[in-house]
Amino acid sequence: MADSPVTVPTDADPVAFVDAVAHRVRRRDAHALLELYARVTGEPPVMWGPSIVGYGSYHYRYASGREGDAPAAGFSPRSAATTLYFPYGFEGYDDELAALGPHQLGSSCLYVKDLEAVDQAVLERLVARAYAQVTQA
């Protein structure tokens, strides 16, 4: 994963954050993801910075020497799409991604415009696999 901005956990209420999302579809999807991530990770949601809902944490160290903590799993309802974070990227995820439905990828981000358009079981498997990968590393 490329060096990314430092984000720290806050005391902000994740449910209040999701309730305040202006875009109707992103708000609906974020409420569904609150439940999915809690079920998959067994962790409570925590706000990391002003806009990332995270579950659990892991410690990272880049080759550059930079290190810190980040959510082991998380998402953010952005204006263009909901961003789901996969800290170790998508190597070996080809079959699941092919079956997921409409999405776009970044190096460690999965972008979904409408959660109802993707296969929920596949999404849950993706999140579970990524969370296990990070927490068992």
C-alpha atoms as a PDB file:
ATOM      1  CA  MET A   1       0.000   0.000   0.000  1.00  0.00           C
ATOM      2  CA  ALA A   2       1.350   3.448  -0.857  1.00  0.00           C
ATOM      3  CA  ASP A   3       2.044   5.961   1.889  1.00  0.00           C
ATOM      4  CA  SER A   4      -1.277   7.536   2.815  1.00  0.00           C
ATOM      5  CA  PRO A   5      -2.299  10.398   5.095  1.00  0.00           C
ATOM      6  CA  VAL A   6      -2.219   9.705   8.791  1.00  0.00           C
ATOM      7  CA  THR A   7      -5.696   9.116  10.176  1.00  0.00           C
ATOM      8  CA  VAL A   8      -6.386   8.641  13.850  1.00  0.00           C
ATOM      9  CA  PRO A   9      -9.408   7.326  15.744  1.00  0.00           C
ATOM     10  CA  THR A  10     -11.717   9.958  17.186  1.00  0.00           C
ATOM     11  CA  ASP A  11     -14.587  10.049  19.673  1.00  0.00           C
ATOM     12  CA  ALA A  12     -17.080  11.054  16.961  1.00  0.00           C
ATOM     13  CA  ASP A  13     -20.216   8.906  16.688  1.00  0.00           C
ATOM     14  CA  PRO A  14     -20.129   6.770  13.506  1.00  0.00           C
ATOM     15  CA  VAL A  15     -23.919   6.425  13.402  1.00  0.00           C
ATOM     16  CA  ALA A  16     -24.369  10.211  13.671  1.00  0.00           C
ATOM     17  CA  PHE A  17     -21.786  10.608  10.893  1.00  0.00           C
ATOM     18  CA  VAL A  18     -23.689   8.179   8.657  1.00  0.00           C
ATOM     19  CA  ASP A  19     -27.031   9.800   9.523  1.00  0.00           C
ATOM     20  CA  ALA A  20     -25.616  13.136   8.318  1.00  0.00           C
ATOM     21  CA  VAL A  21     -24.484  11.877   4.881  1.00  0.00           C
ATOM     22  CA  ALA A  22     -26.281  14.121   2.393  1.00  0.00           C
ATOM     23  CA  HIS A  23     -26.452  11.722  -0.558  1.00  0.00           C
ATOM     24  CA  ARG A  24     -29.460   9.424  -0.047  1.00  0.00           C
ATOM     25  CA  VAL A  25     -27.907   6.319  -1.655  1.00  0.00           C
ATOM     26  CA  ARG A  26     -24.550   6.769   0.134  1.00  0.00           C
ATOM     27  CA  ARG A  27     -26.413   7.181   3.448  1.00  0.00           C
ATOM     28  CA  ARG A  28     -28.496   4.042   2.838  1.00  0.00           C
ATOM     29  CA  ASP A  29     -25.411   2.095   1.807  1.00  0.00           C
ATOM     30  CA  ALA A  30     -23.409   3.340   4.810  1.00  0.00           C
ATOM     31  CA  HIS A  31     -26.109   2.123   7.205  1.00  0.00           C
ATOM     32  CA  ALA A  32     -25.987  -1.302   5.530  1.00  0.00           C
ATOM     33  CA  LEU A  33     -22.185  -1.325   5.744  1.00  0.00           C
ATOM     34  CA  LEU A  34     -22.279  -0.440   9.454  1.00  0.00           C
ATOM     35  CA  GLU A  35     -24.102  -3.735   9.977  1.00  0.00           C
ATOM     36  CA  LEU A  36     -22.050  -5.782   7.503  1.00  0.00           C
ATOM     37  CA  TYR A  37     -18.680  -4.703   8.922  1.00  0.00           C
ATOM     38  CA  ALA A  38     -19.778  -5.199  12.542  1.00  0.00           C
ATOM     39  CA  ARG A  39     -21.045  -8.689  11.692  1.00  0.00           C
ATOM     40  CA  VAL A  40     -17.902  -9.660   9.771  1.00  0.00           C
ATOM     41  CA  THR A  41     -15.301  -8.163  12.124  1.00  0.00           C
ATOM     42  CA  GLY A  42     -17.023  -8.495  15.495  1.00  0.00           C
ATOM     43  CA  GLU A  43     -15.702  -4.981  16.222  1.00  0.00           C
ATOM     44  CA  PRO A  44     -17.610  -1.785  16.982  1.00  0.00           C
ATOM     45  CA  PRO A  45     -17.403   1.062  14.464  1.00  0.00           C
ATOM     46  CA  VAL A  46     -14.974   3.886  15.253  1.00  0.00           C
ATOM     47  CA  MET A  47     -14.499   7.115  13.331  1.00  0.00           C
ATOM     48  CA  TRP A  48     -10.961   7.485  11.998  1.00  0.00           C
ATOM     49  CA  GLY A  49     -10.509  11.117  11.107  1.00  0.00           C
ATOM     50  CA  PRO A  50     -13.559  13.010   9.933  1.00  0.00           C
ATOM     51  CA  SER A  51     -14.854  10.582   7.304  1.00  0.00           C
ATOM     52  CA  ILE A  52     -13.674   6.958   7.680  1.00  0.00           C
ATOM     53  CA  VAL A  53     -15.674   4.403   9.641  1.00  0.00           C
ATOM     54  CA  GLY A  54     -13.177   1.800  10.811  1.00  0.00           C
ATOM     55  CA  TYR A  55     -13.285  -1.578  12.528  1.00  0.00           C
ATOM     56  CA  GLY A  56     -10.363  -2.905  14.527  1.00  0.00           C
ATOM     57  CA  SER A  57      -6.851  -1.667  13.851  1.00  0.00           C
ATOM     58  CA  TYR A  58      -3.455  -2.814  12.670  1.00  0.00           C
ATOM     59  CA  HIS A  59       0.030  -1.386  12.787  1.00  0.00           C
ATOM     60  CA  TYR A  60       1.800  -0.676   9.497  1.00  0.00           C
ATOM     61  CA  ARG A  61       5.381   0.148   8.625  1.00  0.00           C
ATOM     62  CA  TYR A  62       6.325   1.300   5.125  1.00  0.00           C
ATOM     63  CA  ALA A  63       9.689   0.783   3.464  1.00  0.00           C
ATOM     64  CA  SER A  64      10.145   4.556   3.838  1.00  0.00           C
ATOM     65  CA  GLY A  65      10.205   4.060   7.618  1.00  0.00           C
ATOM     66  CA  ARG A  66       6.847   5.713   8.156  1.00  0.00           C
ATOM     67  CA  GLU A  67       4.612   3.760  10.503  1.00  0.00           C
ATOM     68  CA  GLY A  68       1.353   4.082  12.366  1.00  0.00           C
ATOM     69  CA  ASP A  69      -2.007   2.514  13.037  1.00  0.00           C
ATOM     70  CA  ALA A  70      -4.975   2.279  10.697  1.00  0.00           C
ATOM     71  CA  PRO A  71      -8.371   0.593  10.665  1.00  0.00           C
ATOM     72  CA  ALA A  72      -8.144  -3.115   9.829  1.00  0.00           C
ATOM     73  CA  ALA A  73     -11.365  -2.702   7.834  1.00  0.00           C
ATOM     74  CA  GLY A  74     -13.371   0.353   6.955  1.00  0.00           C
ATOM     75  CA  PHE A  75     -15.354   2.442   4.543  1.00  0.00           C
ATOM     76  CA  SER A  76     -16.259   6.017   3.757  1.00  0.00           C
ATOM     77  CA  PRO A  77     -19.411   7.317   2.050  1.00  0.00           C
ATOM     78  CA  ARG A  78     -17.817   9.775  -0.417  1.00  0.00           C
ATOM     79  CA  SER A  79     -19.823  11.944  -2.790  1.00  0.00           C
ATOM     80  CA  ALA A  80     -18.904  10.072  -5.994  1.00  0.00           C
ATOM     81  CA  ALA A  81     -19.057   6.548  -4.527  1.00  0.00           C
ATOM     82  CA  THR A  82     -18.729   4.645  -1.287  1.00  0.00           C
ATOM     83  CA  THR A  83     -15.095   3.742  -0.710  1.00  0.00           C
ATOM     84  CA  LEU A  84     -14.270   0.424   0.954  1.00  0.00           C
ATOM     85  CA  TYR A  85     -10.685   0.086   2.159  1.00  0.00           C
ATOM     86  CA  PHE A  86      -8.578  -3.036   1.575  1.00  0.00           C
ATOM     87  CA  PRO A  87      -5.215  -2.294   3.201  1.00  0.00           C
ATOM     88  CA  TYR A  88      -3.318  -5.076   1.402  1.00  0.00           C
ATOM     89  CA  GLY A  89      -4.903  -4.476  -1.990  1.00  0.00           C
ATOM     90  CA  PHE A  90      -6.597  -6.996  -4.256  1.00  0.00           C
ATOM     91  CA  GLU A  91      -4.002  -9.564  -5.264  1.00  0.00           C
ATOM     92  CA  GLY A  92      -5.724 -12.948  -5.487  1.00  0.00           C
ATOM     93  CA  TYR A  93      -9.233 -11.469  -5.386  1.00  0.00           C
ATOM     94  CA  ASP A  94      -9.952 -11.808  -9.124  1.00  0.00           C
ATOM     95  CA  ASP A  95     -12.770 -14.376  -8.851  1.00  0.00           C
ATOM     96  CA  GLU A  96     -14.645 -12.466  -6.144  1.00  0.00           C
ATOM     97  CA  LEU A  97     -14.243  -9.141  -7.920  1.00  0.00           C
ATOM     98  CA  ALA A  98     -15.513 -10.647 -11.190  1.00  0.00           C
ATOM     99  CA  ALA A  99     -18.632 -11.874  -9.374  1.00  0.00           C
ATOM    100  CA  LEU A 100     -19.209  -8.704  -7.316  1.00  0.00           C
ATOM    101  CA  GLY A 101     -21.032  -6.510  -9.803  1.00  0.00           C
ATOM    102  CA  PRO A 102     -20.438  -2.869 -10.761  1.00  0.00           C
ATOM    103  CA  HIS A 103     -17.406  -1.392  -9.023  1.00  0.00           C
ATOM    104  CA  GLN A 104     -14.100   0.338  -9.628  1.00  0.00           C
ATOM    105  CA  LEU A 105     -10.726  -0.318  -8.026  1.00  0.00           C
ATOM    106  CA  GLY A 106      -7.852   1.773  -6.771  1.00  0.00           C
ATOM    107  CA  SER A 107      -4.662   0.257  -5.355  1.00  0.00           C
ATOM    108  CA  SER A 108      -6.335  -0.443  -1.996  1.00  0.00           C
ATOM    109  CA  CYS A 109      -9.840   0.963  -2.476  1.00  0.00           C
ATOM    110  CA  LEU A 110     -13.029  -0.561  -3.826  1.00  0.00           C
ATOM    111  CA  TYR A 111     -15.516   2.037  -5.097  1.00  0.00           C
ATOM    112  CA  VAL A 112     -19.229   1.185  -5.211  1.00  0.00           C
ATOM    113  CA  LYS A 113     -21.898   3.634  -6.381  1.00  0.00           C
ATOM    114  CA  ASP A 114     -24.902   1.569  -5.286  1.00  0.00           C
ATOM    115  CA  LEU A 115     -24.596  -1.283  -2.809  1.00  0.00           C
ATOM    116  CA  GLU A 116     -27.886  -2.762  -4.026  1.00  0.00           C
ATOM    117  CA  ALA A 117     -26.289  -3.343  -7.450  1.00  0.00           C
ATOM    118  CA  VAL A 118     -23.571  -5.650  -6.092  1.00  0.00           C
ATOM    119  CA  ASP A 119     -23.773  -9.212  -4.819  1.00  0.00           C
ATOM    120  CA  GLN A 120     -24.034  -8.826  -1.035  1.00  0.00           C
ATOM    121  CA  ALA A 121     -22.702 -12.316  -0.288  1.00  0.00           C
ATOM    122  CA  VAL A 122     -19.625 -11.686  -2.443  1.00  0.00           C
ATOM    123  CA  LEU A 123     -19.083  -8.302  -0.794  1.00  0.00           C
ATOM    124  CA  GLU A 124     -19.281  -9.887   2.642  1.00  0.00           C
ATOM    125  CA  ARG A 125     -16.729 -12.537   1.636  1.00  0.00           C
ATOM    126  CA  LEU A 126     -14.398  -9.838   0.299  1.00  0.00           C
ATOM    127  CA  VAL A 127     -14.581  -7.819   3.510  1.00  0.00           C
ATOM    128  CA  ALA A 128     -14.150 -10.927   5.684  1.00  0.00           C
ATOM    129  CA  ARG A 129     -11.155 -12.128   3.692  1.00  0.00           C
ATOM    130  CA  ALA A 130      -9.455  -8.717   3.735  1.00  0.00           C
ATOM    131  CA  TYR A 131     -10.076  -8.286   7.469  1.00  0.00           C
ATOM    132  CA  ALA A 132      -8.641 -11.740   8.207  1.00  0.00           C
ATOM    133  CA  GLN A 133      -5.626 -10.994   6.024  1.00  0.00           C
ATOM    134  CA  VAL A 134      -4.858  -7.791   7.935  1.00  0.00           C
ATOM    135  CA  THR A 135      -5.538  -9.078  11.447  1.00  0.00           C
ATOM    136  CA  GLN A 136      -3.674 -12.370  10.983  1.00  0.00           C
ATOM    137  CA  ALA A 137      -0.593 -10.801   9.402  1.00  0.00           C
END
